[in-house]
Amino acid sequence: MNDHDRNLEQEIQTAFAGRAYPGDDHIARRKEETWLRFRGKDWQEIVSLGREFDLRSDISSLTFEGFAYYLPAFLTLSLDLEGPLDLDEFVAHHLWSFPEEIAPLLNPREKRAVVHILEFLAREYEKRNYVSNNAQLALDHYWAYFTDQELGTSTDDIQK
């Protein structure tokens, strides 16, 4: 992991540090293995767990509230583009497909962190000539514009 990746990981840690656990009933739509895997865990624990399991099917089973709560774990795991998880495209897809449901559950600092991770992923996908770039689609479709409007600044002006 290079310094830029560590800075992004630190931004995630800082932005999402005070997340309140929403309670087990709000985590997953009762798909038992997902509900049991996430039950009672904070998002930091899911970072460790995520390195052992393929969480893609679990993400699909989470409610929007559950996805938003565990988003910092998914963003952290997404930074490892060389890792076996390949969560980055899956997370970017959810951020592209459901921004209106997820964004209201985040505060401005958390939204900035999401934008910064999506910007990083979009650049990486472009460098690697990915056929699809869900991170760029998420930015173009909603996140960059929404965050600019809400914060009254350009994301270029936000300290990276």
N, C-alpha and C. Protein backbone atom coordinates (compact mmCIF):
# COMPACT_ATOMS: atom_id res chain seq x y z
N MET A 1 0.85 -1.18 0.00
CA MET A 1 0.00 0.00 0.00
C MET A 1 0.89 1.24 0.00
N ASN A 2 0.64 2.15 -0.94
CA ASN A 2 1.46 3.36 -1.01
C ASN A 2 0.87 4.45 -0.10
N ASP A 3 1.58 5.60 -0.06
CA ASP A 3 1.15 6.69 0.83
C ASP A 3 -0.24 7.22 0.49
N HIS A 4 -0.54 7.32 -0.82
CA HIS A 4 -1.85 7.82 -1.22
C HIS A 4 -2.96 6.89 -0.72
N ASP A 5 -2.74 5.59 -0.85
CA ASP A 5 -3.73 4.61 -0.37
C ASP A 5 -3.89 4.72 1.15
N ARG A 6 -2.77 4.90 1.85
CA ARG A 6 -2.83 5.04 3.31
C ARG A 6 -3.58 6.31 3.69
N ASN A 7 -3.38 7.40 2.92
CA ASN A 7 -4.11 8.64 3.19
C ASN A 7 -5.61 8.45 3.00
N LEU A 8 -5.98 7.72 1.95
CA LEU A 8 -7.40 7.45 1.72
C LEU A 8 -7.96 6.57 2.84
N GLU A 9 -7.21 5.58 3.25
CA GLU A 9 -7.66 4.71 4.34
C GLU A 9 -7.82 5.53 5.63
N GLN A 10 -6.90 6.44 5.88
CA GLN A 10 -7.00 7.31 7.06
C GLN A 10 -8.21 8.23 6.96
N GLU A 11 -8.48 8.72 5.75
CA GLU A 11 -9.67 9.57 5.57
C GLU A 11 -10.94 8.78 5.89
N ILE A 12 -11.00 7.54 5.46
CA ILE A 12 -12.16 6.70 5.77
C ILE A 12 -12.28 6.54 7.28
N GLN A 13 -11.17 6.20 7.95
CA GLN A 13 -11.18 6.02 9.40
C GLN A 13 -11.69 7.27 10.11
N THR A 14 -11.20 8.43 9.69
CA THR A 14 -11.58 9.69 10.33
C THR A 14 -13.03 10.05 10.04
N ALA A 15 -13.43 9.94 8.78
CA ALA A 15 -14.78 10.36 8.38
C ALA A 15 -15.86 9.51 9.04
N PHE A 16 -15.61 8.20 9.16
CA PHE A 16 -16.65 7.30 9.64
C PHE A 16 -16.44 6.86 11.09
N ALA A 17 -15.54 7.52 11.81
CA ALA A 17 -15.16 7.08 13.15
C ALA A 17 -16.34 6.98 14.12
N GLY A 18 -17.27 7.87 14.04
CA GLY A 18 -18.34 7.92 15.04
C GLY A 18 -19.64 7.26 14.64
N ARG A 19 -19.60 6.29 13.74
CA ARG A 19 -20.84 5.66 13.27
C ARG A 19 -21.54 4.91 14.39
N ALA A 20 -22.82 5.14 14.49
CA ALA A 20 -23.62 4.41 15.48
C ALA A 20 -24.16 3.14 14.84
N TYR A 21 -24.01 2.04 15.52
CA TYR A 21 -24.49 0.75 15.02
C TYR A 21 -26.01 0.80 14.92
N PRO A 22 -26.58 0.50 13.74
CA PRO A 22 -28.03 0.66 13.57
C PRO A 22 -28.87 -0.44 14.21
N GLY A 23 -28.25 -1.47 14.70
CA GLY A 23 -28.99 -2.57 15.29
C GLY A 23 -29.17 -3.70 14.30
N ASP A 24 -29.19 -4.90 14.81
CA ASP A 24 -29.22 -6.08 13.95
C ASP A 24 -30.45 -6.14 13.04
N ASP A 25 -31.58 -5.62 13.51
CA ASP A 25 -32.79 -5.69 12.69
C ASP A 25 -32.72 -4.81 11.45
N HIS A 26 -31.77 -3.90 11.41
CA HIS A 26 -31.65 -2.97 10.28
C HIS A 26 -30.48 -3.30 9.36
N ILE A 27 -29.76 -4.37 9.61
CA ILE A 27 -28.55 -4.69 8.86
C ILE A 27 -28.85 -5.39 7.53
N ALA A 28 -29.59 -6.47 7.59
CA ALA A 28 -29.80 -7.28 6.38
C ALA A 28 -31.26 -7.67 6.25
N ARG A 29 -31.64 -7.93 5.02
CA ARG A 29 -32.98 -8.43 4.75
C ARG A 29 -32.97 -9.93 5.01
N ARG A 30 -32.94 -10.35 6.22
CA ARG A 30 -33.04 -11.71 6.75
C ARG A 30 -32.49 -12.85 5.91
N LYS A 31 -31.49 -12.61 5.08
CA LYS A 31 -30.79 -13.73 4.45
C LYS A 31 -29.87 -14.25 5.54
N GLU A 32 -30.18 -15.40 6.08
CA GLU A 32 -29.58 -15.86 7.34
C GLU A 32 -28.06 -15.78 7.39
N GLU A 33 -27.35 -16.28 6.37
CA GLU A 33 -25.89 -16.26 6.48
C GLU A 33 -25.34 -14.84 6.53
N THR A 34 -25.97 -13.92 5.79
CA THR A 34 -25.54 -12.52 5.86
C THR A 34 -25.86 -11.94 7.22
N TRP A 35 -27.08 -12.13 7.67
CA TRP A 35 -27.50 -11.58 8.94
C TRP A 35 -26.59 -12.09 10.06
N LEU A 36 -26.29 -13.38 10.06
CA LEU A 36 -25.42 -13.94 11.10
C LEU A 36 -23.99 -13.44 10.99
N ARG A 37 -23.49 -13.28 9.77
CA ARG A 37 -22.11 -12.83 9.58
C ARG A 37 -21.91 -11.39 10.07
N PHE A 38 -22.93 -10.55 9.87
CA PHE A 38 -22.82 -9.14 10.23
C PHE A 38 -23.38 -8.82 11.61
N ARG A 39 -24.14 -9.71 12.17
CA ARG A 39 -24.83 -9.48 13.44
C ARG A 39 -23.86 -9.06 14.54
N GLY A 40 -24.14 -7.91 15.14
CA GLY A 40 -23.38 -7.44 16.29
C GLY A 40 -21.98 -6.94 15.99
N LYS A 41 -21.58 -6.88 14.73
CA LYS A 41 -20.21 -6.47 14.39
C LYS A 41 -20.18 -5.00 14.00
N ASP A 42 -19.11 -4.32 14.40
CA ASP A 42 -18.94 -2.96 13.91
C ASP A 42 -18.22 -3.02 12.56
N TRP A 43 -18.16 -1.89 11.88
CA TRP A 43 -17.62 -1.91 10.52
C TRP A 43 -16.12 -2.21 10.50
N GLN A 44 -15.39 -1.88 11.58
CA GLN A 44 -13.97 -2.20 11.63
C GLN A 44 -13.75 -3.72 11.63
N GLU A 45 -14.63 -4.45 12.31
CA GLU A 45 -14.53 -5.92 12.33
C GLU A 45 -14.76 -6.51 10.95
N ILE A 46 -15.62 -5.87 10.16
CA ILE A 46 -15.92 -6.37 8.82
C ILE A 46 -14.71 -6.21 7.90
N VAL A 47 -13.86 -5.22 8.15
CA VAL A 47 -12.62 -5.10 7.36
C VAL A 47 -11.80 -6.37 7.52
N SER A 48 -11.63 -6.82 8.75
CA SER A 48 -10.87 -8.06 9.00
C SER A 48 -11.60 -9.27 8.42
N LEU A 49 -12.89 -9.34 8.66
CA LEU A 49 -13.69 -10.44 8.15
C LEU A 49 -13.68 -10.47 6.62
N GLY A 50 -13.73 -9.30 6.02
CA GLY A 50 -13.79 -9.19 4.57
C GLY A 50 -12.57 -9.73 3.87
N ARG A 51 -11.47 -9.76 4.55
CA ARG A 51 -10.25 -10.30 3.95
C ARG A 51 -10.31 -11.83 3.88
N GLU A 52 -11.24 -12.43 4.64
CA GLU A 52 -11.37 -13.89 4.67
C GLU A 52 -12.53 -14.40 3.82
N PHE A 53 -13.54 -13.58 3.61
CA PHE A 53 -14.75 -14.02 2.92
C PHE A 53 -14.99 -13.18 1.68
N ASP A 54 -15.70 -13.74 0.73
CA ASP A 54 -16.18 -12.98 -0.41
C ASP A 54 -17.49 -12.33 0.01
N LEU A 55 -17.47 -11.03 0.18
CA LEU A 55 -18.63 -10.32 0.73
C LEU A 55 -19.61 -9.84 -0.33
N ARG A 56 -19.37 -10.13 -1.60
CA ARG A 56 -20.24 -9.60 -2.65
C ARG A 56 -21.70 -10.03 -2.46
N SER A 57 -21.95 -11.29 -2.19
CA SER A 57 -23.35 -11.71 -2.01
C SER A 57 -23.94 -11.11 -0.73
N ASP A 58 -23.10 -10.93 0.28
CA ASP A 58 -23.56 -10.30 1.51
C ASP A 58 -24.00 -8.86 1.26
N ILE A 59 -23.25 -8.14 0.44
CA ILE A 59 -23.59 -6.74 0.15
C ILE A 59 -24.98 -6.67 -0.48
N SER A 60 -25.28 -7.60 -1.37
CA SER A 60 -26.59 -7.61 -2.02
C SER A 60 -27.72 -7.87 -1.04
N SER A 61 -27.42 -8.52 0.06
CA SER A 61 -28.46 -8.85 1.04
C SER A 61 -28.65 -7.77 2.10
N LEU A 62 -27.75 -6.80 2.14
CA LEU A 62 -27.86 -5.74 3.15
C LEU A 62 -28.97 -4.77 2.79
N THR A 63 -29.59 -4.20 3.80
CA THR A 63 -30.50 -3.08 3.58
C THR A 63 -29.65 -1.87 3.21
N PHE A 64 -30.29 -0.79 2.75
CA PHE A 64 -29.52 0.43 2.46
C PHE A 64 -28.86 0.96 3.72
N GLU A 65 -29.56 0.86 4.84
CA GLU A 65 -28.99 1.31 6.12
C GLU A 65 -27.79 0.46 6.50
N GLY A 66 -27.89 -0.84 6.29
CA GLY A 66 -26.76 -1.73 6.57
C GLY A 66 -25.60 -1.45 5.64
N PHE A 67 -25.87 -1.26 4.35
CA PHE A 67 -24.81 -0.95 3.39
C PHE A 67 -24.12 0.36 3.77
N ALA A 68 -24.91 1.39 4.12
CA ALA A 68 -24.33 2.68 4.50
C ALA A 68 -23.49 2.56 5.77
N TYR A 69 -23.95 1.75 6.74
CA TYR A 69 -23.19 1.58 7.97
C TYR A 69 -21.86 0.89 7.70
N TYR A 70 -21.87 -0.14 6.87
CA TYR A 70 -20.64 -0.89 6.59
C TYR A 70 -19.85 -0.33 5.41
N LEU A 71 -20.32 0.76 4.82
CA LEU A 71 -19.63 1.37 3.69
C LEU A 71 -18.15 1.65 3.96
N PRO A 72 -17.77 2.15 5.15
CA PRO A 72 -16.33 2.38 5.36
C PRO A 72 -15.50 1.09 5.26
N ALA A 73 -16.06 -0.02 5.68
CA ALA A 73 -15.34 -1.31 5.53
C ALA A 73 -15.20 -1.66 4.06
N PHE A 74 -16.29 -1.50 3.31
CA PHE A 74 -16.24 -1.83 1.89
C PHE A 74 -15.30 -0.90 1.14
N LEU A 75 -15.29 0.39 1.50
CA LEU A 75 -14.38 1.34 0.86
C LEU A 75 -12.93 0.98 1.17
N THR A 76 -12.64 0.64 2.41
CA THR A 76 -11.28 0.25 2.81
C THR A 76 -10.84 -0.98 2.03
N LEU A 77 -11.70 -1.99 1.96
CA LEU A 77 -11.36 -3.21 1.23
C LEU A 77 -11.23 -2.94 -0.28
N SER A 78 -11.96 -1.96 -0.79
CA SER A 78 -11.90 -1.62 -2.21
C SER A 78 -10.56 -1.01 -2.61
N LEU A 79 -9.85 -0.45 -1.65
CA LEU A 79 -8.55 0.15 -1.96
C LEU A 79 -7.52 -0.89 -2.39
N ASP A 80 -7.74 -2.14 -2.01
CA ASP A 80 -6.81 -3.21 -2.36
C ASP A 80 -7.19 -3.78 -3.73
N LEU A 81 -6.78 -3.09 -4.78
CA LEU A 81 -7.14 -3.49 -6.14
C LEU A 81 -6.45 -4.77 -6.58
N GLU A 82 -5.39 -5.14 -5.89
CA GLU A 82 -4.68 -6.37 -6.23
C GLU A 82 -5.19 -7.56 -5.44
N GLY A 83 -6.05 -7.28 -4.47
CA GLY A 83 -6.52 -8.34 -3.59
C GLY A 83 -7.49 -9.29 -4.27
N PRO A 84 -7.78 -10.37 -3.61
CA PRO A 84 -8.65 -11.40 -4.18
C PRO A 84 -10.13 -11.06 -4.13
N LEU A 85 -10.49 -10.01 -3.42
CA LEU A 85 -11.90 -9.75 -3.15
C LEU A 85 -12.65 -9.12 -4.32
N ASP A 86 -11.99 -8.23 -5.05
CA ASP A 86 -12.60 -7.54 -6.17
C ASP A 86 -13.92 -6.89 -5.76
N LEU A 87 -13.94 -6.30 -4.57
CA LEU A 87 -15.14 -5.63 -4.09
C LEU A 87 -15.32 -4.26 -4.72
N ASP A 88 -14.24 -3.68 -5.20
CA ASP A 88 -14.28 -2.30 -5.67
C ASP A 88 -15.35 -2.06 -6.73
N GLU A 89 -15.43 -2.91 -7.75
CA GLU A 89 -16.43 -2.74 -8.79
C GLU A 89 -17.84 -2.96 -8.24
N PHE A 90 -17.99 -3.88 -7.33
CA PHE A 90 -19.29 -4.19 -6.75
C PHE A 90 -19.78 -3.02 -5.89
N VAL A 91 -18.89 -2.46 -5.08
CA VAL A 91 -19.24 -1.32 -4.24
C VAL A 91 -19.55 -0.11 -5.11
N ALA A 92 -18.71 0.14 -6.11
CA ALA A 92 -18.94 1.27 -7.03
C ALA A 92 -20.29 1.11 -7.73
N HIS A 93 -20.62 -0.12 -8.10
CA HIS A 93 -21.91 -0.37 -8.75
C HIS A 93 -23.07 0.01 -7.82
N HIS A 94 -22.99 -0.37 -6.55
CA HIS A 94 -24.04 -0.01 -5.60
C HIS A 94 -24.12 1.51 -5.41
N LEU A 95 -22.97 2.17 -5.36
CA LEU A 95 -22.95 3.62 -5.20
C LEU A 95 -23.51 4.32 -6.45
N TRP A 96 -23.35 3.70 -7.59
CA TRP A 96 -23.89 4.24 -8.84
C TRP A 96 -25.38 3.96 -8.94
N SER A 97 -25.81 2.78 -8.54
CA SER A 97 -27.20 2.36 -8.72
C SER A 97 -28.16 2.93 -7.68
N PHE A 98 -27.69 3.17 -6.46
CA PHE A 98 -28.59 3.55 -5.37
C PHE A 98 -28.14 4.80 -4.61
N PRO A 99 -27.67 5.84 -5.28
CA PRO A 99 -27.16 6.99 -4.53
C PRO A 99 -28.23 7.71 -3.72
N GLU A 100 -29.44 7.80 -4.24
CA GLU A 100 -30.48 8.54 -3.54
C GLU A 100 -30.89 7.87 -2.24
N GLU A 101 -30.68 6.56 -2.14
CA GLU A 101 -31.01 5.84 -0.91
C GLU A 101 -29.85 5.87 0.08
N ILE A 102 -28.61 5.89 -0.42
CA ILE A 102 -27.44 5.80 0.44
C ILE A 102 -26.99 7.17 0.95
N ALA A 103 -26.96 8.16 0.07
CA ALA A 103 -26.42 9.48 0.42
C ALA A 103 -27.10 10.12 1.64
N PRO A 104 -28.43 10.04 1.78
CA PRO A 104 -29.05 10.66 2.95
C PRO A 104 -28.62 10.05 4.29
N LEU A 105 -28.04 8.86 4.24
CA LEU A 105 -27.61 8.19 5.46
C LEU A 105 -26.19 8.58 5.86
N LEU A 106 -25.54 9.45 5.06
CA LEU A 106 -24.16 9.86 5.30
C LEU A 106 -24.08 11.34 5.62
N ASN A 107 -23.10 11.70 6.46
CA ASN A 107 -22.88 13.12 6.72
C ASN A 107 -21.92 13.68 5.66
N PRO A 108 -21.72 15.00 5.59
CA PRO A 108 -20.86 15.59 4.55
C PRO A 108 -19.43 15.04 4.54
N ARG A 109 -18.85 14.81 5.68
CA ARG A 109 -17.47 14.29 5.73
C ARG A 109 -17.41 12.87 5.13
N GLU A 110 -18.41 12.07 5.44
CA GLU A 110 -18.48 10.72 4.89
C GLU A 110 -18.68 10.75 3.38
N LYS A 111 -19.52 11.67 2.91
CA LYS A 111 -19.75 11.81 1.47
C LYS A 111 -18.47 12.21 0.75
N ARG A 112 -17.70 13.11 1.35
CA ARG A 112 -16.41 13.50 0.76
C ARG A 112 -15.50 12.30 0.63
N ALA A 113 -15.46 11.47 1.67
CA ALA A 113 -14.62 10.26 1.62
C ALA A 113 -15.07 9.35 0.49
N VAL A 114 -16.38 9.18 0.32
CA VAL A 114 -16.89 8.37 -0.79
C VAL A 114 -16.42 8.93 -2.12
N VAL A 115 -16.54 10.24 -2.29
CA VAL A 115 -16.11 10.87 -3.55
C VAL A 115 -14.63 10.64 -3.78
N HIS A 116 -13.82 10.78 -2.76
CA HIS A 116 -12.37 10.59 -2.93
C HIS A 116 -12.02 9.15 -3.31
N ILE A 117 -12.70 8.19 -2.71
CA ILE A 117 -12.44 6.79 -3.06
C ILE A 117 -12.89 6.53 -4.49
N LEU A 118 -14.06 7.05 -4.87
CA LEU A 118 -14.54 6.86 -6.24
C LEU A 118 -13.61 7.52 -7.25
N GLU A 119 -13.07 8.70 -6.92
CA GLU A 119 -12.11 9.35 -7.81
C GLU A 119 -10.86 8.49 -7.98
N PHE A 120 -10.37 7.95 -6.87
CA PHE A 120 -9.20 7.07 -6.91
C PHE A 120 -9.48 5.85 -7.78
N LEU A 121 -10.61 5.18 -7.53
CA LEU A 121 -10.94 3.98 -8.29
C LEU A 121 -11.14 4.30 -9.78
N ALA A 122 -11.80 5.41 -10.08
CA ALA A 122 -12.02 5.78 -11.48
C ALA A 122 -10.69 5.98 -12.21
N ARG A 123 -9.73 6.64 -11.54
CA ARG A 123 -8.40 6.83 -12.16
C ARG A 123 -7.70 5.49 -12.36
N GLU A 124 -7.80 4.62 -11.36
CA GLU A 124 -7.15 3.30 -11.46
C GLU A 124 -7.76 2.47 -12.59
N TYR A 125 -9.08 2.48 -12.70
CA TYR A 125 -9.74 1.72 -13.76
C TYR A 125 -9.34 2.25 -15.13
N GLU A 126 -9.25 3.57 -15.23
CA GLU A 126 -8.84 4.17 -16.50
C GLU A 126 -7.41 3.76 -16.86
N LYS A 127 -6.50 3.81 -15.88
CA LYS A 127 -5.11 3.40 -16.11
C LYS A 127 -5.03 1.95 -16.57
N ARG A 128 -5.90 1.12 -16.02
CA ARG A 128 -5.88 -0.32 -16.31
C ARG A 128 -6.74 -0.70 -17.51
N ASN A 129 -7.34 0.31 -18.15
CA ASN A 129 -8.18 0.10 -19.33
C ASN A 129 -9.35 -0.85 -19.07
N TYR A 130 -10.00 -0.69 -17.91
CA TYR A 130 -11.19 -1.50 -17.62
C TYR A 130 -12.26 -1.21 -18.67
N VAL A 131 -13.00 -2.21 -19.05
CA VAL A 131 -14.07 -2.03 -20.03
C VAL A 131 -15.17 -1.15 -19.45
N SER A 132 -15.56 -1.42 -18.21
CA SER A 132 -16.56 -0.57 -17.56
C SER A 132 -15.88 0.14 -16.39
N ASN A 133 -16.40 1.31 -16.06
CA ASN A 133 -15.83 2.08 -14.97
C ASN A 133 -16.99 2.55 -14.09
N ASN A 134 -17.45 1.65 -13.23
CA ASN A 134 -18.57 1.98 -12.36
C ASN A 134 -18.27 3.12 -11.41
N ALA A 135 -17.00 3.28 -11.04
CA ALA A 135 -16.63 4.38 -10.16
C ALA A 135 -16.86 5.72 -10.87
N GLN A 136 -16.46 5.82 -12.12
CA GLN A 136 -16.69 7.06 -12.87
C GLN A 136 -18.18 7.28 -13.10
N LEU A 137 -18.90 6.22 -13.39
CA LEU A 137 -20.35 6.33 -13.56
C LEU A 137 -21.00 6.85 -12.27
N ALA A 138 -20.57 6.33 -11.13
CA ALA A 138 -21.12 6.79 -9.85
C ALA A 138 -20.82 8.27 -9.63
N LEU A 139 -19.60 8.67 -9.95
CA LEU A 139 -19.25 10.09 -9.81
C LEU A 139 -20.08 10.95 -10.75
N ASP A 140 -20.11 10.58 -12.00
CA ASP A 140 -20.82 11.37 -13.01
C ASP A 140 -22.32 11.40 -12.75
N HIS A 141 -22.84 10.27 -12.32
CA HIS A 141 -24.28 10.13 -12.15
C HIS A 141 -24.78 10.93 -10.94
N TYR A 142 -23.98 11.02 -9.89
CA TYR A 142 -24.55 11.58 -8.67
C TYR A 142 -23.55 12.17 -7.69
N TRP A 143 -22.53 11.40 -7.31
CA TRP A 143 -21.74 11.74 -6.13
C TRP A 143 -20.98 13.04 -6.21
N ALA A 144 -20.25 13.29 -7.28
CA ALA A 144 -19.46 14.51 -7.37
C ALA A 144 -20.38 15.73 -7.39
N TYR A 145 -21.42 15.70 -8.21
CA TYR A 145 -22.34 16.83 -8.29
C TYR A 145 -23.05 17.06 -6.97
N PHE A 146 -23.57 16.00 -6.38
CA PHE A 146 -24.31 16.13 -5.13
C PHE A 146 -23.42 16.72 -4.04
N THR A 147 -22.22 16.22 -3.94
CA THR A 147 -21.31 16.70 -2.89
C THR A 147 -20.92 18.15 -3.13
N ASP A 148 -20.65 18.51 -4.39
CA ASP A 148 -20.35 19.91 -4.72
C ASP A 148 -21.50 20.82 -4.29
N GLN A 149 -22.72 20.41 -4.64
CA GLN A 149 -23.90 21.22 -4.32
C GLN A 149 -24.08 21.35 -2.81
N GLU A 150 -23.97 20.24 -2.12
CA GLU A 150 -24.21 20.24 -0.68
C GLU A 150 -23.17 21.04 0.08
N LEU A 151 -21.91 20.87 -0.31
CA LEU A 151 -20.83 21.52 0.42
C LEU A 151 -20.49 22.91 -0.10
N GLY A 152 -21.02 23.24 -1.27
CA GLY A 152 -20.74 24.55 -1.85
C GLY A 152 -19.32 24.70 -2.31
N THR A 153 -18.64 23.58 -2.59
CA THR A 153 -17.25 23.63 -3.06
C THR A 153 -17.07 22.62 -4.17
N SER A 154 -16.00 22.78 -4.89
CA SER A 154 -15.62 21.79 -5.87
C SER A 154 -14.85 20.70 -5.16
N THR A 155 -15.00 19.46 -5.62
CA THR A 155 -14.24 18.38 -4.99
C THR A 155 -12.75 18.59 -5.22
N ASP A 156 -12.38 19.38 -6.22
CA ASP A 156 -10.96 19.69 -6.44
C ASP A 156 -10.41 20.56 -5.31
N ASP A 157 -11.31 21.32 -4.65
CA ASP A 157 -10.88 22.20 -3.57
C ASP A 157 -10.80 21.48 -2.23
N ILE A 158 -11.39 20.31 -2.15
CA ILE A 158 -11.37 19.55 -0.90
C ILE A 158 -10.02 18.90 -0.74
N GLN A 159 -9.44 19.06 0.41
CA GLN A 159 -8.09 18.52 0.66
C GLN A 159 -8.08 17.01 0.47
N LYS A 160 -7.12 16.54 -0.35
CA LYS A 160 -7.03 15.10 -0.63
C LYS A 160 -5.91 14.48 0.14
